[in-house]
């Protein structure tokens, strides 16, 4: 009898679907990412439709899935907007997703929220958005959001009036931090405590990693287990041409540190628990 029970138990365990290591990080386009634990998920800077000239956008098919909250985006619980620029957010796609997905809430800067308000944001969607005015060099934690979340005030550039936030969320035991369009001084990052945060996956614009000074700043300011460069240009401006072109810049960045992870194709995903990390 005991032997039959053991056989049944082993068979039952083998036949059950495995939910271990189900969490994944997927690239959407430009600086847009999707992070899921298998049952709920987050969108980072991923709802921007036709975006901004010179930067990648999602295909029309993927864009429609994002906006209509269709699988796999039907389990989105949180929409993060690091700042209001067109290559990171557009009001219509965000409002459409919120209207299609009553389970989702938004986290964004005051400037981004005001753009939604100017685009006829409904009262029903309005109350689901947390909007904040970030001060450079500050840090705030939130436990009343769908995931444990920490927001950092990170500069978009000296004297640049754009409100920019770095957002770190914890999902399935992993911490993922998106820093928006960072152009910050080391002293301000250290003041905000970015170096004290344990970051498993750092999503950061490629331009912060193009020279030794930038790489050293990132190493000092962020305690990151993996670094995912993002926000690659599709058009080659003079600066890019002077540095050998986008392909050469990418190769140099990916080879600069041993913990760089290449994740730059549409819906290219990686298991963030580490089993298939390059």
C-alpha atoms as a PDB file:
ATOM      1  CA  UNK A   1       0.000   0.000   0.000  1.00  0.00           C
ATOM      2  CA  UNK A   2       2.782   2.390   0.938  1.00  0.00           C
ATOM      3  CA  UNK A   3       4.622   1.554  -2.275  1.00  0.00           C
ATOM      4  CA  UNK A   4       1.506   2.333  -4.355  1.00  0.00           C
ATOM      5  CA  UNK A   5       1.107   5.640  -2.518  1.00  0.00           C
ATOM      6  CA  UNK A   6       4.726   6.600  -3.222  1.00  0.00           C
ATOM      7  CA  UNK A   7       4.347   5.749  -6.900  1.00  0.00           C
ATOM      8  CA  UNK A   8       1.181   7.879  -7.065  1.00  0.00           C
ATOM      9  CA  UNK A   9       2.871  10.776  -5.269  1.00  0.00           C
ATOM     10  CA  UNK A  10       5.870  10.726  -7.611  1.00  0.00           C
ATOM     11  CA  UNK A  11       3.588  10.526 -10.673  1.00  0.00           C
ATOM     12  CA  UNK A  12       1.479  13.422  -9.364  1.00  0.00           C
ATOM     13  CA  UNK A  13       4.547  15.598  -8.777  1.00  0.00           C
ATOM     14  CA  UNK A  14       5.963  14.878 -12.213  1.00  0.00           C
ATOM     15  CA  UNK A  15       2.689  15.698 -13.963  1.00  0.00           C
ATOM     16  CA  UNK A  16       2.079  18.984 -12.208  1.00  0.00           C
ATOM     17  CA  UNK A  17       3.045  22.151 -14.074  1.00  0.00           C
ATOM     18  CA  UNK A  18       6.097  23.802 -12.606  1.00  0.00           C
ATOM     19  CA  UNK A  19       5.806  27.376 -11.423  1.00  0.00           C
ATOM     20  CA  UNK A  20       9.376  27.548 -10.193  1.00  0.00           C
ATOM     21  CA  UNK A  21      11.502  30.133 -11.968  1.00  0.00           C
ATOM     22  CA  UNK A  22       8.487  31.372 -13.948  1.00  0.00           C
ATOM     23  CA  UNK A  23       9.386  35.050 -13.585  1.00  0.00           C
ATOM     24  CA  UNK A  24      10.600  36.727 -16.744  1.00  0.00           C
ATOM     25  CA  UNK A  25      11.819  40.060 -18.049  1.00  0.00           C
ATOM     26  CA  UNK A  26      10.867  40.912 -21.623  1.00  0.00           C
ATOM     27  CA  UNK A  27      11.919  43.755 -23.898  1.00  0.00           C
ATOM     28  CA  UNK A  28       9.114  45.638 -25.642  1.00  0.00           C
ATOM     29  CA  UNK A  29      10.870  48.426 -27.575  1.00  0.00           C
ATOM     30  CA  UNK A  30      13.250  51.304 -26.833  1.00  0.00           C
ATOM     31  CA  UNK A  31      13.106  51.648 -23.020  1.00  0.00           C
ATOM     32  CA  UNK A  32       9.918  49.613 -22.655  1.00  0.00           C
ATOM     33  CA  UNK A  33       9.904  46.385 -20.640  1.00  0.00           C
ATOM     34  CA  UNK A  34       7.439  43.821 -19.295  1.00  0.00           C
ATOM     35  CA  UNK A  35       8.165  41.923 -16.071  1.00  0.00           C
ATOM     36  CA  UNK A  36       5.990  39.025 -14.932  1.00  0.00           C
ATOM     37  CA  UNK A  37       5.982  36.440 -12.155  1.00  0.00           C
ATOM     38  CA  UNK A  38       3.624  34.243 -14.170  1.00  0.00           C
ATOM     39  CA  UNK A  39       0.401  35.553 -12.634  1.00  0.00           C
ATOM     40  CA  UNK A  40       0.860  39.345 -12.429  1.00  0.00           C
ATOM     41  CA  UNK A  41       3.116  41.822 -14.155  1.00  0.00           C
ATOM     42  CA  UNK A  42       4.500  45.335 -14.585  1.00  0.00           C
ATOM     43  CA  UNK A  43       4.987  47.521 -17.652  1.00  0.00           C
ATOM     44  CA  UNK A  44       7.908  49.945 -17.613  1.00  0.00           C
ATOM     45  CA  UNK A  45       7.737  52.825 -20.138  1.00  0.00           C
ATOM     46  CA  UNK A  46       6.040  50.503 -22.633  1.00  0.00           C
ATOM     47  CA  UNK A  47       2.899  52.359 -23.725  1.00  0.00           C
ATOM     48  CA  UNK A  48       4.017  54.962 -26.253  1.00  0.00           C
ATOM     49  CA  UNK A  49       2.503  53.894 -29.602  1.00  0.00           C
ATOM     50  CA  UNK A  50       4.346  55.697 -32.436  1.00  0.00           C
ATOM     51  CA  UNK A  51       6.879  57.085 -29.960  1.00  0.00           C
ATOM     52  CA  UNK A  52       9.517  59.556 -31.063  1.00  0.00           C
ATOM     53  CA  UNK A  53      11.502  59.706 -34.285  1.00  0.00           C
ATOM     54  CA  UNK A  54      14.898  58.059 -33.943  1.00  0.00           C
ATOM     55  CA  UNK A  55      13.847  55.431 -31.391  1.00  0.00           C
ATOM     56  CA  UNK A  56      12.322  51.984 -31.777  1.00  0.00           C
ATOM     57  CA  UNK A  57       8.603  51.296 -31.375  1.00  0.00           C
ATOM     58  CA  UNK A  58       6.658  48.074 -30.989  1.00  0.00           C
ATOM     59  CA  UNK A  59       5.101  46.431 -34.034  1.00  0.00           C
ATOM     60  CA  UNK A  60       1.446  47.285 -34.631  1.00  0.00           C
ATOM     61  CA  UNK A  61       0.357  43.821 -33.523  1.00  0.00           C
ATOM     62  CA  UNK A  62       2.213  44.074 -30.216  1.00  0.00           C
ATOM     63  CA  UNK A  63       1.081  47.659 -29.684  1.00  0.00           C
ATOM     64  CA  UNK A  64      -2.572  46.567 -29.982  1.00  0.00           C
ATOM     65  CA  UNK A  65      -2.048  43.765 -27.463  1.00  0.00           C
ATOM     66  CA  UNK A  66      -0.463  46.224 -25.035  1.00  0.00           C
ATOM     67  CA  UNK A  67      -3.192  48.824 -25.358  1.00  0.00           C
ATOM     68  CA  UNK A  68      -6.079  46.333 -25.254  1.00  0.00           C
ATOM     69  CA  UNK A  69      -4.577  44.392 -22.321  1.00  0.00           C
ATOM     70  CA  UNK A  70      -4.579  41.185 -24.339  1.00  0.00           C
ATOM     71  CA  UNK A  71      -2.523  38.116 -23.415  1.00  0.00           C
ATOM     72  CA  UNK A  72       0.150  38.211 -22.054  1.00  0.00           C
ATOM     73  CA  UNK A  73      -0.621  41.768 -20.934  1.00  0.00           C
ATOM     74  CA  UNK A  74      -3.984  40.855 -19.401  1.00  0.00           C
ATOM     75  CA  UNK A  75      -2.234  40.265 -16.064  1.00  0.00           C
ATOM     76  CA  UNK A  76      -0.638  43.732 -15.832  1.00  0.00           C
ATOM     77  CA  UNK A  77      -1.146  45.146 -12.324  1.00  0.00           C
ATOM     78  CA  UNK A  78       1.105  48.188 -12.569  1.00  0.00           C
ATOM     79  CA  UNK A  79       2.083  50.689 -15.279  1.00  0.00           C
ATOM     80  CA  UNK A  80       5.278  52.639 -14.551  1.00  0.00           C
ATOM     81  CA  UNK A  81       6.147  55.864 -16.393  1.00  0.00           C
ATOM     82  CA  UNK A  82       9.575  57.289 -15.550  1.00  0.00           C
ATOM     83  CA  UNK A  83       8.972  60.597 -17.355  1.00  0.00           C
ATOM     84  CA  UNK A  84       6.647  62.213 -19.874  1.00  0.00           C
ATOM     85  CA  UNK A  85       8.645  62.108 -23.140  1.00  0.00           C
ATOM     86  CA  UNK A  86       6.984  60.624 -26.215  1.00  0.00           C
ATOM     87  CA  UNK A  87       9.426  57.734 -26.527  1.00  0.00           C
ATOM     88  CA  UNK A  88       8.420  56.578 -23.028  1.00  0.00           C
ATOM     89  CA  UNK A  89       4.719  57.375 -22.841  1.00  0.00           C
ATOM     90  CA  UNK A  90       1.745  58.658 -24.773  1.00  0.00           C
ATOM     91  CA  UNK A  91      -1.539  59.438 -23.024  1.00  0.00           C
ATOM     92  CA  UNK A  92      -3.924  57.595 -25.372  1.00  0.00           C
ATOM     93  CA  UNK A  93      -2.251  54.137 -25.112  1.00  0.00           C
ATOM     94  CA  UNK A  94      -2.034  54.383 -21.310  1.00  0.00           C
ATOM     95  CA  UNK A  95      -5.659  55.465 -20.957  1.00  0.00           C
ATOM     96  CA  UNK A  96      -6.759  52.712 -23.328  1.00  0.00           C
ATOM     97  CA  UNK A  97      -4.913  50.047 -21.327  1.00  0.00           C
ATOM     98  CA  UNK A  98      -6.346  51.336 -18.037  1.00  0.00           C
ATOM     99  CA  UNK A  99      -9.836  51.265 -19.544  1.00  0.00           C
ATOM    100  CA  UNK A 100      -9.294  47.706 -20.825  1.00  0.00           C
ATOM    101  CA  UNK A 101      -7.695  46.471 -17.603  1.00  0.00           C
ATOM    102  CA  UNK A 102      -9.497  47.407 -14.365  1.00  0.00           C
ATOM    103  CA  UNK A 103      -6.812  45.609 -12.311  1.00  0.00           C
ATOM    104  CA  UNK A 104      -3.990  47.966 -13.306  1.00  0.00           C
ATOM    105  CA  UNK A 105      -2.747  51.035 -11.451  1.00  0.00           C
ATOM    106  CA  UNK A 106      -0.299  53.668 -12.631  1.00  0.00           C
ATOM    107  CA  UNK A 107       2.821  55.155 -11.079  1.00  0.00           C
ATOM    108  CA  UNK A 108       4.272  58.226 -12.753  1.00  0.00           C
ATOM    109  CA  UNK A 109       5.622  61.733 -12.343  1.00  0.00           C
ATOM    110  CA  UNK A 110       3.357  64.731 -11.916  1.00  0.00           C
ATOM    111  CA  UNK A 111       4.284  65.951 -15.410  1.00  0.00           C
ATOM    112  CA  UNK A 112       3.265  62.624 -16.964  1.00  0.00           C
ATOM    113  CA  UNK A 113       0.009  62.608 -15.013  1.00  0.00           C
ATOM    114  CA  UNK A 114      -0.838  66.124 -16.181  1.00  0.00           C
ATOM    115  CA  UNK A 115      -0.502  64.989 -19.791  1.00  0.00           C
ATOM    116  CA  UNK A 116      -3.038  62.244 -19.119  1.00  0.00           C
ATOM    117  CA  UNK A 117      -5.357  64.771 -17.476  1.00  0.00           C
ATOM    118  CA  UNK A 118      -5.118  66.989 -20.556  1.00  0.00           C
ATOM    119  CA  UNK A 119      -6.131  63.989 -22.684  1.00  0.00           C
ATOM    120  CA  UNK A 120      -9.527  63.449 -21.036  1.00  0.00           C
ATOM    121  CA  UNK A 121      -8.478  60.975 -18.369  1.00  0.00           C
ATOM    122  CA  UNK A 122     -11.717  59.630 -16.902  1.00  0.00           C
ATOM    123  CA  UNK A 123     -12.518  59.882 -13.207  1.00  0.00           C
ATOM    124  CA  UNK A 124     -12.548  56.089 -12.967  1.00  0.00           C
ATOM    125  CA  UNK A 125      -8.995  55.882 -14.284  1.00  0.00           C
ATOM    126  CA  UNK A 126      -7.820  58.997 -12.457  1.00  0.00           C
ATOM    127  CA  UNK A 127      -8.129  57.503  -8.979  1.00  0.00           C
ATOM    128  CA  UNK A 128      -5.964  54.530 -10.022  1.00  0.00           C
ATOM    129  CA  UNK A 129      -2.882  56.646 -10.717  1.00  0.00           C
ATOM    130  CA  UNK A 130      -0.256  57.525  -8.131  1.00  0.00           C
ATOM    131  CA  UNK A 131       1.508  60.682  -9.297  1.00  0.00           C
ATOM    132  CA  UNK A 132       4.527  62.123  -7.545  1.00  0.00           C
ATOM    133  CA  UNK A 133       6.869  65.064  -7.838  1.00  0.00           C
ATOM    134  CA  UNK A 134      10.347  63.570  -7.468  1.00  0.00           C
ATOM    135  CA  UNK A 135      13.123  65.611  -5.925  1.00  0.00           C
ATOM    136  CA  UNK A 136      16.621  64.764  -7.130  1.00  0.00           C
ATOM    137  CA  UNK A 137      18.567  62.820  -4.542  1.00  0.00           C
ATOM    138  CA  UNK A 138      15.531  61.479  -2.672  1.00  0.00           C
ATOM    139  CA  UNK A 139      14.112  57.997  -2.131  1.00  0.00           C
ATOM    140  CA  UNK A 140      10.594  56.868  -1.213  1.00  0.00           C
ATOM    141  CA  UNK A 141       9.193  53.373  -0.616  1.00  0.00           C
ATOM    142  CA  UNK A 142       5.596  52.280  -1.185  1.00  0.00           C
ATOM    143  CA  UNK A 143       3.907  49.161   0.194  1.00  0.00           C
ATOM    144  CA  UNK A 144       0.368  49.944  -0.982  1.00  0.00           C
ATOM    145  CA  UNK A 145       1.145  49.278  -4.652  1.00  0.00           C
ATOM    146  CA  UNK A 146       0.731  45.838  -6.297  1.00  0.00           C
ATOM    147  CA  UNK A 147       4.463  45.193  -5.761  1.00  0.00           C
ATOM    148  CA  UNK A 148       6.927  46.531  -3.172  1.00  0.00           C
ATOM    149  CA  UNK A 149       8.205  49.665  -4.885  1.00  0.00           C
ATOM    150  CA  UNK A 150      10.979  52.180  -4.290  1.00  0.00           C
ATOM    151  CA  UNK A 151      11.149  55.449  -6.210  1.00  0.00           C
ATOM    152  CA  UNK A 152      14.358  57.463  -6.611  1.00  0.00           C
ATOM    153  CA  UNK A 153      14.631  61.064  -7.767  1.00  0.00           C
ATOM    154  CA  UNK A 154      17.149  60.831 -10.631  1.00  0.00           C
ATOM    155  CA  UNK A 155      18.199  63.745 -12.823  1.00  0.00           C
ATOM    156  CA  UNK A 156      17.384  63.834 -16.525  1.00  0.00           C
ATOM    157  CA  UNK A 157      20.271  66.278 -16.941  1.00  0.00           C
ATOM    158  CA  UNK A 158      21.574  69.403 -15.264  1.00  0.00           C
ATOM    159  CA  UNK A 159      19.078  72.294 -15.553  1.00  0.00           C
ATOM    160  CA  UNK A 160      16.707  69.989 -17.454  1.00  0.00           C
ATOM    161  CA  UNK A 161      13.149  70.592 -16.130  1.00  0.00           C
ATOM    162  CA  UNK A 162      11.998  67.063 -16.955  1.00  0.00           C
ATOM    163  CA  UNK A 163      10.874  65.138 -13.873  1.00  0.00           C
ATOM    164  CA  UNK A 164      12.535  61.724 -14.013  1.00  0.00           C
ATOM    165  CA  UNK A 165      12.237  58.820 -11.599  1.00  0.00           C
ATOM    166  CA  UNK A 166      14.111  55.595 -11.108  1.00  0.00           C
ATOM    167  CA  UNK A 167      11.672  52.873 -10.055  1.00  0.00           C
ATOM    168  CA  UNK A 168      12.650  49.591  -8.403  1.00  0.00           C
ATOM    169  CA  UNK A 169      10.026  46.895  -7.951  1.00  0.00           C
ATOM    170  CA  UNK A 170      10.335  43.485  -6.295  1.00  0.00           C
ATOM    171  CA  UNK A 171       8.725  40.581  -8.094  1.00  0.00           C
ATOM    172  CA  UNK A 172       9.146  36.875  -7.378  1.00  0.00           C
ATOM    173  CA  UNK A 173      12.125  37.586  -5.121  1.00  0.00           C
ATOM    174  CA  UNK A 174      13.892  39.660  -7.771  1.00  0.00           C
ATOM    175  CA  UNK A 175      14.421  43.433  -7.836  1.00  0.00           C
ATOM    176  CA  UNK A 176      14.182  45.244 -11.170  1.00  0.00           C
ATOM    177  CA  UNK A 177      15.127  48.904 -11.452  1.00  0.00           C
ATOM    178  CA  UNK A 178      14.394  51.185 -14.408  1.00  0.00           C
ATOM    179  CA  UNK A 179      16.206  54.532 -14.189  1.00  0.00           C
ATOM    180  CA  UNK A 180      14.405  56.363 -16.992  1.00  0.00           C
ATOM    181  CA  UNK A 181      16.604  58.751 -18.963  1.00  0.00           C
ATOM    182  CA  UNK A 182      19.374  59.103 -16.426  1.00  0.00           C
ATOM    183  CA  UNK A 183      21.874  61.951 -16.698  1.00  0.00           C
ATOM    184  CA  UNK A 184      22.846  62.293 -13.057  1.00  0.00           C
ATOM    185  CA  UNK A 185      25.741  63.310 -10.876  1.00  0.00           C
ATOM    186  CA  UNK A 186      27.279  60.625  -8.684  1.00  0.00           C
ATOM    187  CA  UNK A 187      26.746  62.728  -5.548  1.00  0.00           C
ATOM    188  CA  UNK A 188      22.997  62.955  -6.206  1.00  0.00           C
ATOM    189  CA  UNK A 189      22.691  59.216  -6.805  1.00  0.00           C
ATOM    190  CA  UNK A 190      24.570  58.434  -3.602  1.00  0.00           C
ATOM    191  CA  UNK A 191      22.392  60.928  -1.737  1.00  0.00           C
ATOM    192  CA  UNK A 192      19.328  59.049  -2.983  1.00  0.00           C
ATOM    193  CA  UNK A 193      20.882  55.785  -1.803  1.00  0.00           C
ATOM    194  CA  UNK A 194      20.913  53.987  -5.148  1.00  0.00           C
ATOM    195  CA  UNK A 195      24.201  52.348  -4.150  1.00  0.00           C
ATOM    196  CA  UNK A 196      22.574  50.775  -1.086  1.00  0.00           C
ATOM    197  CA  UNK A 197      19.716  49.177  -3.009  1.00  0.00           C
ATOM    198  CA  UNK A 198      20.191  45.518  -3.924  1.00  0.00           C
ATOM    199  CA  UNK A 199      19.377  45.458  -7.632  1.00  0.00           C
ATOM    200  CA  UNK A 200      19.110  42.163  -9.477  1.00  0.00           C
ATOM    201  CA  UNK A 201      18.294  43.732 -12.855  1.00  0.00           C
ATOM    202  CA  UNK A 202      19.281  47.293 -13.746  1.00  0.00           C
ATOM    203  CA  UNK A 203      17.638  48.734 -16.885  1.00  0.00           C
ATOM    204  CA  UNK A 204      19.717  51.722 -17.964  1.00  0.00           C
ATOM    205  CA  UNK A 205      20.154  53.810 -21.137  1.00  0.00           C
ATOM    206  CA  UNK A 206      23.167  52.820 -23.181  1.00  0.00           C
ATOM    207  CA  UNK A 207      24.654  56.319 -23.147  1.00  0.00           C
ATOM    208  CA  UNK A 208      25.475  55.944 -19.471  1.00  0.00           C
ATOM    209  CA  UNK A 209      27.866  53.130 -20.408  1.00  0.00           C
ATOM    210  CA  UNK A 210      29.759  54.456 -23.421  1.00  0.00           C
ATOM    211  CA  UNK A 211      32.991  55.478 -21.693  1.00  0.00           C
ATOM    212  CA  UNK A 212      35.105  54.581 -18.683  1.00  0.00           C
ATOM    213  CA  UNK A 213      33.813  57.504 -16.632  1.00  0.00           C
ATOM    214  CA  UNK A 214      30.204  56.458 -17.145  1.00  0.00           C
ATOM    215  CA  UNK A 215      30.912  52.808 -16.431  1.00  0.00           C
ATOM    216  CA  UNK A 216      32.704  53.699 -13.194  1.00  0.00           C
ATOM    217  CA  UNK A 217      29.767  55.905 -12.165  1.00  0.00           C
ATOM    218  CA  UNK A 218      27.317  53.061 -12.766  1.00  0.00           C
ATOM    219  CA  UNK A 219      29.503  50.594 -10.852  1.00  0.00           C
ATOM    220  CA  UNK A 220      29.772  53.004  -7.920  1.00  0.00           C
ATOM    221  CA  UNK A 221      26.181  54.237  -7.872  1.00  0.00           C
ATOM    222  CA  UNK A 222      24.380  50.920  -8.418  1.00  0.00           C
ATOM    223  CA  UNK A 223      24.804  47.570  -6.726  1.00  0.00           C
ATOM    224  CA  UNK A 224      23.551  45.633  -9.748  1.00  0.00           C
ATOM    225  CA  UNK A 225      23.802  41.882 -10.300  1.00  0.00           C
ATOM    226  CA  UNK A 226      22.837  42.227 -13.979  1.00  0.00           C
ATOM    227  CA  UNK A 227      22.824  45.287 -16.240  1.00  0.00           C
ATOM    228  CA  UNK A 228      20.542  45.557 -19.282  1.00  0.00           C
ATOM    229  CA  UNK A 229      21.504  48.435 -21.646  1.00  0.00           C
ATOM    230  CA  UNK A 230      18.498  49.952 -23.419  1.00  0.00           C
ATOM    231  CA  UNK A 231      17.160  52.939 -25.372  1.00  0.00           C
ATOM    232  CA  UNK A 232      19.310  52.358 -28.480  1.00  0.00           C
ATOM    233  CA  UNK A 233      18.873  54.840 -31.336  1.00  0.00           C
ATOM    234  CA  UNK A 234      17.483  53.678 -34.651  1.00  0.00           C
ATOM    235  CA  UNK A 235      18.884  56.725 -36.475  1.00  0.00           C
ATOM    236  CA  UNK A 236      22.623  57.333 -36.473  1.00  0.00           C
ATOM    237  CA  UNK A 237      23.330  60.943 -35.570  1.00  0.00           C
ATOM    238  CA  UNK A 238      26.760  62.567 -35.812  1.00  0.00           C
ATOM    239  CA  UNK A 239      27.774  61.520 -32.286  1.00  0.00           C
ATOM    240  CA  UNK A 240      26.943  57.884 -33.023  1.00  0.00           C
ATOM    241  CA  UNK A 241      28.807  57.997 -36.344  1.00  0.00           C
ATOM    242  CA  UNK A 242      31.843  59.492 -34.629  1.00  0.00           C
ATOM    243  CA  UNK A 243      31.850  56.495 -32.293  1.00  0.00           C
ATOM    244  CA  UNK A 244      31.781  53.950 -35.110  1.00  0.00           C
ATOM    245  CA  UNK A 245      28.040  53.471 -35.484  1.00  0.00           C
ATOM    246  CA  UNK A 246      25.355  51.916 -33.304  1.00  0.00           C
ATOM    247  CA  UNK A 247      26.547  48.336 -33.826  1.00  0.00           C
ATOM    248  CA  UNK A 248      30.070  49.193 -32.709  1.00  0.00           C
ATOM    249  CA  UNK A 249      28.723  51.081 -29.672  1.00  0.00           C
ATOM    250  CA  UNK A 250      26.520  48.130 -28.704  1.00  0.00           C
ATOM    251  CA  UNK A 251      29.377  45.653 -28.986  1.00  0.00           C
ATOM    252  CA  UNK A 252      31.654  47.854 -26.889  1.00  0.00           C
ATOM    253  CA  UNK A 253      29.017  48.220 -24.171  1.00  0.00           C
ATOM    254  CA  UNK A 254      28.182  44.518 -23.996  1.00  0.00           C
ATOM    255  CA  UNK A 255      31.872  43.694 -23.646  1.00  0.00           C
ATOM    256  CA  UNK A 256      32.603  46.395 -21.047  1.00  0.00           C
ATOM    257  CA  UNK A 257      31.438  44.503 -17.952  1.00  0.00           C
ATOM    258  CA  UNK A 258      30.909  40.794 -17.240  1.00  0.00           C
ATOM    259  CA  UNK A 259      27.356  41.337 -15.942  1.00  0.00           C
ATOM    260  CA  UNK A 260      25.964  42.967 -19.100  1.00  0.00           C
ATOM    261  CA  UNK A 261      22.877  41.211 -20.487  1.00  0.00           C
ATOM    262  CA  UNK A 262      21.730  41.625 -24.087  1.00  0.00           C
ATOM    263  CA  UNK A 263      17.958  42.010 -24.245  1.00  0.00           C
ATOM    264  CA  UNK A 264      17.040  44.340 -27.097  1.00  0.00           C
ATOM    265  CA  UNK A 265      14.690  42.485 -29.473  1.00  0.00           C
ATOM    266  CA  UNK A 266      10.899  42.770 -29.421  1.00  0.00           C
ATOM    267  CA  UNK A 267       9.444  40.339 -26.849  1.00  0.00           C
ATOM    268  CA  UNK A 268      12.814  38.770 -26.262  1.00  0.00           C
ATOM    269  CA  UNK A 269      12.471  37.385 -22.737  1.00  0.00           C
ATOM    270  CA  UNK A 270      14.802  36.086 -20.086  1.00  0.00           C
ATOM    271  CA  UNK A 271      14.127  34.069 -16.959  1.00  0.00           C
ATOM    272  CA  UNK A 272      15.088  36.452 -14.158  1.00  0.00           C
ATOM    273  CA  UNK A 273      15.659  33.656 -11.673  1.00  0.00           C
ATOM    274  CA  UNK A 274      18.956  33.039 -13.422  1.00  0.00           C
ATOM    275  CA  UNK A 275      18.727  29.669 -15.143  1.00  0.00           C
ATOM    276  CA  UNK A 276      19.102  31.001 -18.689  1.00  0.00           C
ATOM    277  CA  UNK A 277      20.986  34.210 -18.040  1.00  0.00           C
ATOM    278  CA  UNK A 278      23.865  34.557 -20.547  1.00  0.00           C
END
